[in-house]
């Protein structure tokens, strides 16, 4: 459900999503084939492009049009699984170092980076980022157009101190950077125990 909501949020109106195309196939008949979609047009520059920089098996892209979605994954098995799907491009670069050619390229970014600590903090301007998921998310945002949209899933819930500030530490630094350079529409806390416990994890996410 979170994958569907996240990818639907960044989907530009008018483009046929992978989910809609999948529904057409399930219905059967000649109209069920993926024909007449955006990817068959002669002028592909008119259609939005999307990026998932730590794609896993591609689940987070469920509502995006395959043929305009770029996915990236380092794990060999997951990378092979992505290659079996009709994505625009499947790559395997370090998500902490997106290709320079991707700067401000994509209309939509959706990502759920792995959680963890960096061996060495990464500087974003004057902001020292120490968490892996924060650094990967900010590097992903470098690939987004100025008028693009992003949906990011990271661990934990935001907490506040006695002065109603975000509690000091890695979250405050990350959110300071995010709010300084981007228009953040919302942060939604997700109860990991209620949503994910049957899948073997109960980590709270945002």
N, C-alpha and C. Protein backbone atom coordinates (compact mmCIF):
# COMPACT_ATOMS: atom_id res chain seq x y z
N UNK A 1 0.81 -1.23 0.00
CA UNK A 1 0.00 0.00 0.00
C UNK A 1 0.84 1.28 0.00
N UNK A 2 1.98 1.26 0.73
CA UNK A 2 2.84 2.44 0.76
C UNK A 2 3.51 2.65 -0.59
N UNK A 3 3.90 1.57 -1.24
CA UNK A 3 4.50 1.67 -2.58
C UNK A 3 3.52 2.31 -3.55
N UNK A 4 2.28 1.89 -3.50
CA UNK A 4 1.27 2.43 -4.42
C UNK A 4 1.03 3.91 -4.15
N UNK A 5 0.92 4.28 -2.88
CA UNK A 5 0.68 5.68 -2.54
C UNK A 5 1.87 6.57 -2.94
N UNK A 6 3.07 6.09 -2.65
CA UNK A 6 4.27 6.88 -2.94
C UNK A 6 4.44 7.11 -4.43
N UNK A 7 4.31 6.05 -5.22
CA UNK A 7 4.51 6.20 -6.67
C UNK A 7 3.34 6.93 -7.32
N UNK A 8 2.15 6.79 -6.79
CA UNK A 8 1.01 7.53 -7.32
C UNK A 8 1.18 9.03 -7.05
N UNK A 9 1.78 9.36 -5.90
CA UNK A 9 1.97 10.76 -5.53
C UNK A 9 2.86 11.50 -6.53
N UNK A 10 3.92 10.84 -7.01
CA UNK A 10 4.85 11.53 -7.92
C UNK A 10 4.43 11.40 -9.38
N UNK A 11 3.42 10.60 -9.68
CA UNK A 11 2.99 10.37 -11.06
C UNK A 11 2.37 11.63 -11.64
N UNK A 12 2.90 12.07 -12.76
CA UNK A 12 2.32 13.24 -13.43
C UNK A 12 1.00 12.85 -14.08
N UNK A 13 -0.01 13.70 -13.94
CA UNK A 13 -1.33 13.39 -14.48
C UNK A 13 -1.25 13.23 -15.99
N UNK A 14 -2.02 12.30 -16.52
CA UNK A 14 -2.08 12.10 -17.95
C UNK A 14 -1.25 10.93 -18.45
N UNK A 15 -0.23 10.51 -17.69
CA UNK A 15 0.59 9.38 -18.15
C UNK A 15 0.00 8.08 -17.62
N UNK A 16 0.01 7.06 -18.46
CA UNK A 16 -0.57 5.77 -18.09
C UNK A 16 0.38 5.03 -17.16
N UNK A 17 -0.07 4.72 -15.98
CA UNK A 17 0.80 4.09 -15.00
C UNK A 17 0.99 2.62 -15.29
N UNK A 18 2.07 2.06 -14.71
CA UNK A 18 2.29 0.63 -14.82
C UNK A 18 1.14 -0.16 -14.21
N UNK A 19 0.57 0.38 -13.13
CA UNK A 19 -0.56 -0.29 -12.47
C UNK A 19 -1.77 -0.36 -13.40
N UNK A 20 -2.07 0.76 -14.09
CA UNK A 20 -3.20 0.76 -15.02
C UNK A 20 -2.96 -0.20 -16.18
N UNK A 21 -1.72 -0.20 -16.69
CA UNK A 21 -1.39 -1.11 -17.78
C UNK A 21 -1.55 -2.56 -17.32
N UNK A 22 -1.13 -2.86 -16.09
CA UNK A 22 -1.26 -4.20 -15.54
C UNK A 22 -2.73 -4.60 -15.42
N UNK A 23 -3.58 -3.65 -14.97
CA UNK A 23 -5.01 -3.93 -14.86
C UNK A 23 -5.59 -4.26 -16.23
N UNK A 24 -5.14 -3.54 -17.27
CA UNK A 24 -5.63 -3.80 -18.63
C UNK A 24 -5.28 -5.21 -19.07
N UNK A 25 -4.07 -5.66 -18.73
CA UNK A 25 -3.64 -7.01 -19.12
C UNK A 25 -4.47 -8.06 -18.41
N UNK A 26 -4.73 -7.84 -17.11
CA UNK A 26 -5.49 -8.80 -16.33
C UNK A 26 -6.90 -8.96 -16.88
N UNK A 27 -7.47 -7.88 -17.41
CA UNK A 27 -8.83 -7.94 -17.97
C UNK A 27 -8.89 -8.82 -19.21
N UNK A 28 -7.75 -8.98 -19.90
CA UNK A 28 -7.71 -9.83 -21.08
C UNK A 28 -8.25 -9.15 -22.32
N UNK A 29 -8.27 -9.89 -23.44
CA UNK A 29 -8.76 -9.33 -24.70
C UNK A 29 -7.70 -8.48 -25.38
N UNK A 30 -7.99 -8.06 -26.60
CA UNK A 30 -7.01 -7.29 -27.36
C UNK A 30 -6.71 -5.95 -26.72
N UNK A 31 -7.67 -5.37 -26.01
CA UNK A 31 -7.44 -4.09 -25.36
C UNK A 31 -6.62 -4.25 -24.09
N UNK A 32 -6.38 -5.48 -23.69
CA UNK A 32 -5.59 -5.73 -22.50
C UNK A 32 -4.10 -5.61 -22.71
N UNK A 33 -3.66 -5.65 -23.97
CA UNK A 33 -2.23 -5.54 -24.24
C UNK A 33 -1.75 -4.11 -23.98
N UNK A 34 -0.45 -3.98 -23.69
CA UNK A 34 0.10 -2.65 -23.46
C UNK A 34 0.34 -2.01 -24.83
N UNK A 35 -0.72 -1.49 -25.40
CA UNK A 35 -0.63 -0.79 -26.69
C UNK A 35 -1.26 0.58 -26.52
N UNK A 36 -0.81 1.51 -27.35
CA UNK A 36 -1.35 2.86 -27.25
C UNK A 36 -0.87 3.62 -26.04
N UNK A 37 0.14 3.08 -25.36
CA UNK A 37 0.68 3.74 -24.18
C UNK A 37 1.66 4.84 -24.57
N UNK A 38 2.08 5.60 -23.59
CA UNK A 38 3.00 6.71 -23.84
C UNK A 38 4.29 6.24 -24.48
N UNK A 39 4.75 5.01 -24.16
CA UNK A 39 6.07 4.58 -24.65
C UNK A 39 6.07 4.29 -26.15
N UNK A 40 4.90 4.27 -26.80
CA UNK A 40 4.85 4.01 -28.23
C UNK A 40 4.84 5.27 -29.07
N UNK A 41 4.86 6.43 -28.43
CA UNK A 41 4.82 7.68 -29.17
C UNK A 41 6.15 7.96 -29.86
N UNK A 42 6.13 8.76 -30.91
CA UNK A 42 7.35 9.12 -31.62
C UNK A 42 8.18 10.15 -30.87
N UNK A 43 7.51 11.00 -30.10
CA UNK A 43 8.21 12.07 -29.38
C UNK A 43 8.22 11.76 -27.90
N UNK A 44 9.27 11.07 -27.46
CA UNK A 44 9.35 10.66 -26.07
C UNK A 44 9.74 11.80 -25.14
N UNK A 45 10.19 12.91 -25.69
CA UNK A 45 10.59 14.03 -24.85
C UNK A 45 9.41 14.70 -24.17
N UNK A 46 8.19 14.43 -24.66
CA UNK A 46 7.01 15.06 -24.09
C UNK A 46 6.54 14.38 -22.82
N UNK A 47 7.11 13.24 -22.49
CA UNK A 47 6.60 12.46 -21.37
C UNK A 47 7.55 12.51 -20.18
N UNK A 48 6.99 12.51 -18.97
CA UNK A 48 7.82 12.61 -17.76
C UNK A 48 8.68 11.37 -17.56
N UNK A 49 9.80 11.56 -16.87
CA UNK A 49 10.69 10.45 -16.55
C UNK A 49 10.80 10.32 -15.03
N UNK A 50 10.96 9.08 -14.58
CA UNK A 50 10.99 8.79 -13.15
C UNK A 50 12.23 8.00 -12.80
N UNK A 51 12.64 8.09 -11.52
CA UNK A 51 13.84 7.39 -11.06
C UNK A 51 13.60 6.77 -9.69
N UNK A 52 14.05 5.50 -9.57
CA UNK A 52 14.14 4.83 -8.28
C UNK A 52 15.60 4.39 -8.13
N UNK A 53 16.39 5.09 -7.31
CA UNK A 53 17.84 4.85 -7.25
C UNK A 53 18.28 3.66 -6.39
N UNK A 54 17.38 3.09 -5.61
CA UNK A 54 17.70 1.89 -4.82
C UNK A 54 16.49 0.96 -4.93
N UNK A 55 16.30 0.44 -6.12
CA UNK A 55 15.00 -0.12 -6.52
C UNK A 55 14.66 -1.50 -5.97
N UNK A 56 15.66 -2.26 -5.52
CA UNK A 56 15.34 -3.62 -5.07
C UNK A 56 14.77 -4.43 -6.21
N UNK A 57 13.55 -4.94 -6.03
CA UNK A 57 12.86 -5.68 -7.09
C UNK A 57 11.87 -4.81 -7.86
N UNK A 58 11.83 -3.51 -7.54
CA UNK A 58 11.00 -2.58 -8.31
C UNK A 58 9.62 -2.33 -7.75
N UNK A 59 9.33 -2.83 -6.55
CA UNK A 59 7.98 -2.71 -6.01
C UNK A 59 7.53 -1.26 -5.83
N UNK A 60 8.48 -0.39 -5.48
CA UNK A 60 8.11 1.00 -5.19
C UNK A 60 7.65 1.75 -6.44
N UNK A 61 7.86 1.18 -7.60
CA UNK A 61 7.48 1.85 -8.86
C UNK A 61 6.12 1.39 -9.38
N UNK A 62 5.34 0.73 -8.57
CA UNK A 62 4.13 0.04 -9.02
C UNK A 62 3.16 0.93 -9.81
N UNK A 63 3.05 2.21 -9.48
CA UNK A 63 2.09 3.09 -10.17
C UNK A 63 2.74 3.90 -11.29
N UNK A 64 4.02 3.66 -11.58
CA UNK A 64 4.72 4.44 -12.60
C UNK A 64 4.72 3.71 -13.95
N UNK A 65 4.77 4.45 -15.05
CA UNK A 65 4.85 3.81 -16.37
C UNK A 65 6.23 3.20 -16.57
N UNK A 66 6.27 1.90 -16.80
CA UNK A 66 7.54 1.18 -16.93
C UNK A 66 8.52 1.86 -17.88
N UNK A 67 8.03 2.21 -19.06
CA UNK A 67 8.92 2.64 -20.14
C UNK A 67 9.45 4.05 -19.95
N UNK A 68 9.08 4.70 -18.86
CA UNK A 68 9.62 6.01 -18.55
C UNK A 68 10.23 6.05 -17.15
N UNK A 69 10.50 4.84 -16.63
CA UNK A 69 11.05 4.73 -15.28
C UNK A 69 12.43 4.11 -15.32
N UNK A 70 13.41 4.82 -14.74
CA UNK A 70 14.78 4.34 -14.62
C UNK A 70 14.96 3.75 -13.22
N UNK A 71 15.51 2.57 -13.14
CA UNK A 71 15.72 1.91 -11.85
C UNK A 71 17.19 1.56 -11.69
N UNK A 72 17.64 1.57 -10.45
CA UNK A 72 19.05 1.31 -10.15
C UNK A 72 19.15 0.38 -8.95
N UNK A 73 20.03 -0.62 -9.02
CA UNK A 73 20.18 -1.58 -7.93
C UNK A 73 21.54 -2.25 -8.03
N UNK A 74 22.25 -2.32 -6.88
CA UNK A 74 23.58 -2.93 -6.84
C UNK A 74 23.55 -4.44 -6.67
N UNK A 75 22.58 -4.95 -5.93
CA UNK A 75 22.50 -6.38 -5.67
C UNK A 75 22.28 -7.15 -6.97
N UNK A 76 23.10 -8.17 -7.21
CA UNK A 76 23.07 -8.89 -8.50
C UNK A 76 21.74 -9.56 -8.77
N UNK A 77 21.18 -10.23 -7.75
CA UNK A 77 19.92 -10.96 -7.96
C UNK A 77 18.77 -9.99 -8.22
N UNK A 78 18.67 -8.94 -7.41
CA UNK A 78 17.60 -7.96 -7.61
C UNK A 78 17.78 -7.22 -8.94
N UNK A 79 19.03 -6.93 -9.29
CA UNK A 79 19.31 -6.28 -10.57
C UNK A 79 18.81 -7.16 -11.72
N UNK A 80 19.07 -8.48 -11.63
CA UNK A 80 18.60 -9.41 -12.66
C UNK A 80 17.07 -9.44 -12.72
N UNK A 81 16.42 -9.35 -11.56
CA UNK A 81 14.95 -9.32 -11.54
C UNK A 81 14.42 -8.06 -12.22
N UNK A 82 15.10 -6.94 -12.01
CA UNK A 82 14.69 -5.69 -12.66
C UNK A 82 14.83 -5.79 -14.18
N UNK A 83 15.87 -6.50 -14.62
CA UNK A 83 16.11 -6.64 -16.06
C UNK A 83 15.00 -7.42 -16.76
N UNK A 84 14.26 -8.21 -15.99
CA UNK A 84 13.15 -8.99 -16.54
C UNK A 84 11.90 -8.13 -16.76
N UNK A 85 11.92 -6.90 -16.25
CA UNK A 85 10.78 -6.00 -16.36
C UNK A 85 11.09 -4.91 -17.40
N UNK A 86 10.06 -4.38 -18.06
CA UNK A 86 10.30 -3.46 -19.19
C UNK A 86 10.57 -2.01 -18.79
N UNK A 87 11.52 -1.81 -17.86
CA UNK A 87 11.88 -0.46 -17.46
C UNK A 87 12.66 0.24 -18.57
N UNK A 88 12.64 1.57 -18.56
CA UNK A 88 13.37 2.34 -19.56
C UNK A 88 14.86 2.04 -19.48
N UNK A 89 15.38 1.94 -18.24
CA UNK A 89 16.80 1.65 -18.06
C UNK A 89 17.01 1.02 -16.70
N UNK A 90 17.85 -0.01 -16.66
CA UNK A 90 18.23 -0.66 -15.41
C UNK A 90 19.73 -0.49 -15.25
N UNK A 91 20.16 0.11 -14.15
CA UNK A 91 21.58 0.40 -13.94
C UNK A 91 22.04 -0.09 -12.58
N UNK A 92 23.35 0.03 -12.32
CA UNK A 92 23.90 -0.46 -11.06
C UNK A 92 25.01 0.45 -10.54
N UNK A 93 24.77 1.77 -10.53
CA UNK A 93 25.75 2.70 -9.98
C UNK A 93 25.52 2.88 -8.47
N UNK A 94 26.52 3.41 -7.80
CA UNK A 94 26.47 3.69 -6.37
C UNK A 94 25.45 4.80 -6.13
N UNK A 95 24.41 4.52 -5.35
CA UNK A 95 23.35 5.51 -5.13
C UNK A 95 23.83 6.72 -4.35
N UNK A 96 25.02 6.65 -3.77
CA UNK A 96 25.60 7.83 -3.13
C UNK A 96 26.32 8.73 -4.15
N UNK A 97 26.45 8.23 -5.38
CA UNK A 97 27.14 8.98 -6.43
C UNK A 97 26.39 8.86 -7.75
N UNK A 98 25.21 9.48 -7.86
CA UNK A 98 24.46 9.40 -9.12
C UNK A 98 25.27 9.98 -10.27
N UNK A 99 25.10 9.47 -11.50
CA UNK A 99 25.82 10.02 -12.65
C UNK A 99 25.54 11.50 -12.82
N UNK A 100 26.54 12.25 -13.18
CA UNK A 100 26.38 13.70 -13.37
C UNK A 100 25.33 13.99 -14.44
N UNK A 101 25.19 13.09 -15.40
CA UNK A 101 24.22 13.28 -16.47
C UNK A 101 22.78 13.26 -15.97
N UNK A 102 22.57 12.76 -14.74
CA UNK A 102 21.22 12.66 -14.17
C UNK A 102 20.81 13.92 -13.40
N UNK A 103 21.71 14.88 -13.23
CA UNK A 103 21.38 16.09 -12.48
C UNK A 103 20.15 16.79 -13.05
N UNK A 104 19.15 17.00 -12.19
CA UNK A 104 17.92 17.72 -12.56
C UNK A 104 17.29 17.17 -13.85
N UNK A 105 17.22 15.85 -13.93
CA UNK A 105 16.74 15.18 -15.14
C UNK A 105 15.33 14.64 -15.00
N UNK A 106 14.95 14.20 -13.80
CA UNK A 106 13.72 13.42 -13.64
C UNK A 106 12.57 14.25 -13.07
N UNK A 107 11.38 13.93 -13.55
CA UNK A 107 10.16 14.60 -13.09
C UNK A 107 9.69 14.05 -11.75
N UNK A 108 10.07 12.82 -11.46
CA UNK A 108 9.65 12.20 -10.21
C UNK A 108 10.72 11.28 -9.65
N UNK A 109 10.88 11.32 -8.33
CA UNK A 109 11.83 10.46 -7.62
C UNK A 109 11.06 9.71 -6.54
N UNK A 110 11.25 8.40 -6.48
CA UNK A 110 10.66 7.63 -5.39
C UNK A 110 11.76 6.72 -4.85
N UNK A 111 11.94 6.71 -3.53
CA UNK A 111 13.05 5.94 -2.98
C UNK A 111 12.80 5.51 -1.54
N UNK A 112 13.27 4.33 -1.23
CA UNK A 112 13.26 3.78 0.12
C UNK A 112 14.66 3.21 0.38
N UNK A 113 15.63 4.11 0.64
CA UNK A 113 17.02 3.65 0.77
C UNK A 113 17.24 2.79 1.99
N UNK A 114 18.26 1.95 1.96
CA UNK A 114 18.59 1.14 3.16
C UNK A 114 19.00 2.03 4.32
N UNK A 115 18.63 1.61 5.55
CA UNK A 115 18.92 2.39 6.74
C UNK A 115 20.28 1.99 7.31
N UNK A 116 21.01 2.96 7.83
CA UNK A 116 22.29 2.65 8.45
C UNK A 116 23.13 3.90 8.62
N UNK A 117 24.31 3.72 9.21
CA UNK A 117 25.24 4.83 9.43
C UNK A 117 26.31 4.83 8.35
N UNK A 118 26.76 6.02 7.99
CA UNK A 118 27.87 6.15 7.05
C UNK A 118 29.19 5.97 7.79
N UNK A 119 30.16 5.34 7.15
CA UNK A 119 31.48 5.20 7.77
C UNK A 119 32.16 6.56 7.92
N UNK A 120 31.88 7.46 6.96
CA UNK A 120 32.36 8.83 7.02
C UNK A 120 31.21 9.76 6.68
N UNK A 121 30.99 10.83 7.47
CA UNK A 121 29.92 11.78 7.15
C UNK A 121 30.10 12.37 5.76
N UNK A 122 28.99 12.68 5.10
CA UNK A 122 29.04 13.30 3.78
C UNK A 122 28.54 14.73 3.90
N UNK A 123 29.27 15.66 3.31
CA UNK A 123 28.90 17.07 3.37
C UNK A 123 27.99 17.45 2.23
N UNK A 124 26.87 18.07 2.56
CA UNK A 124 25.97 18.67 1.58
C UNK A 124 25.98 20.17 1.90
N UNK A 125 26.81 20.92 1.17
CA UNK A 125 27.02 22.30 1.55
C UNK A 125 27.69 22.32 2.92
N UNK A 126 27.06 22.97 3.88
CA UNK A 126 27.59 23.02 5.25
C UNK A 126 26.90 22.02 6.17
N UNK A 127 26.05 21.18 5.60
CA UNK A 127 25.29 20.21 6.39
C UNK A 127 26.04 18.88 6.40
N UNK A 128 26.39 18.39 7.59
CA UNK A 128 27.11 17.13 7.73
C UNK A 128 26.10 15.99 7.93
N UNK A 129 25.96 15.15 6.91
CA UNK A 129 24.99 14.06 6.95
C UNK A 129 25.70 12.77 7.36
N UNK A 130 25.17 12.11 8.39
CA UNK A 130 25.82 10.92 8.95
C UNK A 130 25.06 9.62 8.68
N UNK A 131 23.81 9.73 8.26
CA UNK A 131 22.99 8.53 8.03
C UNK A 131 22.99 8.17 6.54
N UNK A 132 23.09 6.86 6.27
CA UNK A 132 23.11 6.37 4.89
C UNK A 132 21.83 6.73 4.15
N UNK A 133 20.67 6.50 4.79
CA UNK A 133 19.41 6.78 4.11
C UNK A 133 19.22 8.25 3.81
N UNK A 134 19.73 9.12 4.70
CA UNK A 134 19.62 10.55 4.47
C UNK A 134 20.49 10.97 3.29
N UNK A 135 21.72 10.47 3.25
CA UNK A 135 22.63 10.82 2.16
C UNK A 135 22.12 10.29 0.82
N UNK A 136 21.59 9.08 0.81
CA UNK A 136 21.07 8.52 -0.44
C UNK A 136 19.85 9.29 -0.92
N UNK A 137 18.99 9.70 0.02
CA UNK A 137 17.80 10.47 -0.35
C UNK A 137 18.19 11.82 -0.95
N UNK A 138 19.15 12.51 -0.33
CA UNK A 138 19.56 13.83 -0.81
C UNK A 138 20.27 13.72 -2.17
N UNK A 139 21.05 12.66 -2.36
CA UNK A 139 21.67 12.46 -3.67
C UNK A 139 20.63 12.15 -4.73
N UNK A 140 19.57 11.44 -4.35
CA UNK A 140 18.49 11.17 -5.30
C UNK A 140 17.80 12.47 -5.71
N UNK A 141 17.61 13.36 -4.74
CA UNK A 141 16.94 14.63 -5.04
C UNK A 141 17.74 15.51 -5.99
N UNK A 142 19.04 15.32 -6.04
CA UNK A 142 19.87 16.05 -7.00
C UNK A 142 19.48 15.70 -8.44
N UNK A 143 18.87 14.55 -8.61
CA UNK A 143 18.48 14.09 -9.95
C UNK A 143 17.10 14.62 -10.37
N UNK A 144 16.41 15.33 -9.48
CA UNK A 144 15.05 15.79 -9.74
C UNK A 144 15.04 17.19 -10.34
N UNK A 145 14.14 17.39 -11.29
CA UNK A 145 13.94 18.73 -11.85
C UNK A 145 13.44 19.67 -10.76
N UNK A 146 13.62 20.96 -10.97
CA UNK A 146 13.18 21.95 -9.98
C UNK A 146 11.67 21.91 -9.75
N UNK A 147 10.91 21.48 -10.76
CA UNK A 147 9.45 21.39 -10.61
C UNK A 147 8.99 19.94 -10.43
N UNK A 148 9.92 19.06 -10.08
CA UNK A 148 9.58 17.65 -9.91
C UNK A 148 8.98 17.37 -8.55
N UNK A 149 8.60 16.09 -8.34
CA UNK A 149 8.04 15.66 -7.07
C UNK A 149 8.77 14.41 -6.60
N UNK A 150 8.89 14.27 -5.29
CA UNK A 150 9.57 13.10 -4.74
C UNK A 150 8.79 12.53 -3.57
N UNK A 151 8.90 11.22 -3.41
CA UNK A 151 8.36 10.53 -2.24
C UNK A 151 9.49 9.70 -1.66
N UNK A 152 9.80 9.95 -0.38
CA UNK A 152 10.94 9.31 0.26
C UNK A 152 10.46 8.55 1.50
N UNK A 153 10.90 7.32 1.65
CA UNK A 153 10.58 6.53 2.84
C UNK A 153 11.86 6.33 3.63
N UNK A 154 11.90 6.84 4.87
CA UNK A 154 13.07 6.67 5.73
C UNK A 154 12.62 6.17 7.10
N UNK A 155 13.57 5.71 7.89
CA UNK A 155 13.24 5.10 9.17
C UNK A 155 12.95 6.10 10.28
N UNK A 156 12.28 5.61 11.30
CA UNK A 156 12.05 6.38 12.52
C UNK A 156 10.87 7.33 12.45
N UNK A 157 10.52 7.89 13.58
CA UNK A 157 9.51 8.94 13.69
C UNK A 157 10.20 10.21 14.19
N UNK A 158 9.72 11.36 13.74
CA UNK A 158 10.28 12.63 14.16
C UNK A 158 9.84 12.94 15.60
N UNK A 159 10.78 13.39 16.41
CA UNK A 159 10.46 13.79 17.79
C UNK A 159 10.89 15.24 18.01
N UNK A 160 10.36 15.86 19.07
CA UNK A 160 10.63 17.27 19.35
C UNK A 160 11.12 17.44 20.78
N UNK A 161 11.91 18.51 21.00
CA UNK A 161 12.40 18.77 22.34
C UNK A 161 11.45 19.71 23.09
N UNK A 162 11.87 20.18 24.29
CA UNK A 162 10.99 21.00 25.12
C UNK A 162 10.72 22.38 24.52
N UNK A 163 11.49 22.76 23.50
CA UNK A 163 11.27 24.05 22.83
C UNK A 163 10.56 23.88 21.48
N UNK A 164 9.96 22.70 21.29
CA UNK A 164 9.21 22.38 20.07
C UNK A 164 10.08 22.36 18.81
N UNK A 165 11.37 22.10 18.99
CA UNK A 165 12.27 21.92 17.87
C UNK A 165 12.45 20.43 17.61
N UNK A 166 12.77 20.07 16.38
CA UNK A 166 13.12 18.68 16.11
C UNK A 166 14.31 18.32 17.00
N UNK A 167 14.24 17.16 17.65
CA UNK A 167 15.29 16.74 18.57
C UNK A 167 16.66 16.81 17.90
N UNK A 168 17.64 17.36 18.62
CA UNK A 168 18.99 17.53 18.08
C UNK A 168 19.57 16.20 17.63
N UNK A 169 20.35 16.24 16.55
CA UNK A 169 20.98 15.03 16.03
C UNK A 169 20.83 14.92 14.53
N UNK A 170 20.97 13.70 14.03
CA UNK A 170 20.99 13.48 12.58
C UNK A 170 19.68 13.88 11.91
N UNK A 171 18.56 13.65 12.57
CA UNK A 171 17.27 13.99 11.96
C UNK A 171 17.10 15.49 11.79
N UNK A 172 17.54 16.26 12.80
CA UNK A 172 17.41 17.70 12.72
C UNK A 172 18.25 18.25 11.55
N UNK A 173 19.46 17.74 11.40
CA UNK A 173 20.34 18.21 10.32
C UNK A 173 19.73 17.87 8.96
N UNK A 174 19.28 16.63 8.82
CA UNK A 174 18.68 16.20 7.55
C UNK A 174 17.44 17.02 7.21
N UNK A 175 16.56 17.20 8.18
CA UNK A 175 15.32 17.94 7.92
C UNK A 175 15.59 19.43 7.69
N UNK A 176 16.58 19.98 8.37
CA UNK A 176 16.97 21.36 8.11
C UNK A 176 17.37 21.54 6.65
N UNK A 177 18.19 20.63 6.16
CA UNK A 177 18.61 20.70 4.76
C UNK A 177 17.41 20.56 3.83
N UNK A 178 16.56 19.58 4.13
CA UNK A 178 15.41 19.29 3.27
C UNK A 178 14.48 20.49 3.18
N UNK A 179 14.16 21.09 4.32
CA UNK A 179 13.24 22.23 4.33
C UNK A 179 13.89 23.50 3.78
N UNK A 180 15.21 23.58 3.85
CA UNK A 180 15.90 24.77 3.34
C UNK A 180 15.90 24.81 1.82
N UNK A 181 16.05 23.64 1.18
CA UNK A 181 16.24 23.60 -0.27
C UNK A 181 15.02 23.08 -1.05
N UNK A 182 14.04 22.52 -0.37
CA UNK A 182 12.89 21.92 -1.06
C UNK A 182 11.58 22.33 -0.39
N UNK A 183 10.51 22.19 -1.13
CA UNK A 183 9.17 22.41 -0.59
C UNK A 183 8.65 21.08 -0.07
N UNK A 184 8.65 20.91 1.24
CA UNK A 184 8.19 19.66 1.84
C UNK A 184 6.71 19.78 2.13
N UNK A 185 5.91 18.97 1.47
CA UNK A 185 4.45 19.06 1.66
C UNK A 185 3.99 18.40 2.95
N UNK A 186 4.65 17.30 3.33
CA UNK A 186 4.21 16.62 4.54
C UNK A 186 5.22 15.57 4.95
N UNK A 187 5.22 15.23 6.23
CA UNK A 187 5.95 14.08 6.75
C UNK A 187 4.92 13.21 7.46
N UNK A 188 4.79 11.97 7.03
CA UNK A 188 3.74 11.09 7.54
C UNK A 188 4.37 9.93 8.32
N UNK A 189 4.17 9.87 9.64
CA UNK A 189 4.70 8.74 10.41
C UNK A 189 3.89 7.48 10.16
N UNK A 190 4.59 6.37 9.97
CA UNK A 190 3.95 5.08 9.69
C UNK A 190 4.29 4.10 10.81
N UNK A 191 3.27 3.50 11.39
CA UNK A 191 3.45 2.54 12.47
C UNK A 191 3.93 1.21 11.89
N UNK A 192 5.23 0.94 12.04
CA UNK A 192 5.81 -0.26 11.46
C UNK A 192 5.24 -1.54 12.01
N UNK A 193 4.92 -1.56 13.31
CA UNK A 193 4.40 -2.78 13.92
C UNK A 193 3.06 -3.18 13.30
N UNK A 194 2.18 -2.19 13.09
CA UNK A 194 0.86 -2.49 12.53
C UNK A 194 0.94 -2.86 11.04
N UNK A 195 1.86 -2.21 10.31
CA UNK A 195 1.87 -2.41 8.87
C UNK A 195 2.78 -3.55 8.42
N UNK A 196 3.95 -3.69 9.06
CA UNK A 196 4.96 -4.58 8.51
C UNK A 196 5.26 -5.83 9.33
N UNK A 197 4.69 -5.96 10.54
CA UNK A 197 5.11 -7.05 11.44
C UNK A 197 4.93 -8.43 10.81
N UNK A 198 3.93 -8.61 9.97
CA UNK A 198 3.71 -9.92 9.34
C UNK A 198 4.75 -10.23 8.26
N UNK A 199 5.51 -9.20 7.87
CA UNK A 199 6.56 -9.40 6.87
C UNK A 199 7.93 -9.54 7.54
N UNK A 200 7.94 -9.63 8.88
CA UNK A 200 9.17 -9.90 9.58
C UNK A 200 9.91 -8.69 10.12
N UNK A 201 9.31 -7.51 10.04
CA UNK A 201 9.95 -6.32 10.59
C UNK A 201 8.88 -5.40 11.17
N UNK A 202 9.28 -4.56 12.12
CA UNK A 202 8.31 -3.67 12.73
C UNK A 202 8.93 -2.28 12.93
N UNK A 203 9.89 -1.92 12.09
CA UNK A 203 10.56 -0.63 12.21
C UNK A 203 9.62 0.49 11.81
N UNK A 204 9.52 1.52 12.64
CA UNK A 204 8.73 2.69 12.28
C UNK A 204 9.38 3.43 11.12
N UNK A 205 8.56 3.96 10.24
CA UNK A 205 9.08 4.71 9.09
C UNK A 205 8.32 6.01 8.94
N UNK A 206 8.87 6.85 8.06
CA UNK A 206 8.22 8.11 7.70
C UNK A 206 8.13 8.19 6.20
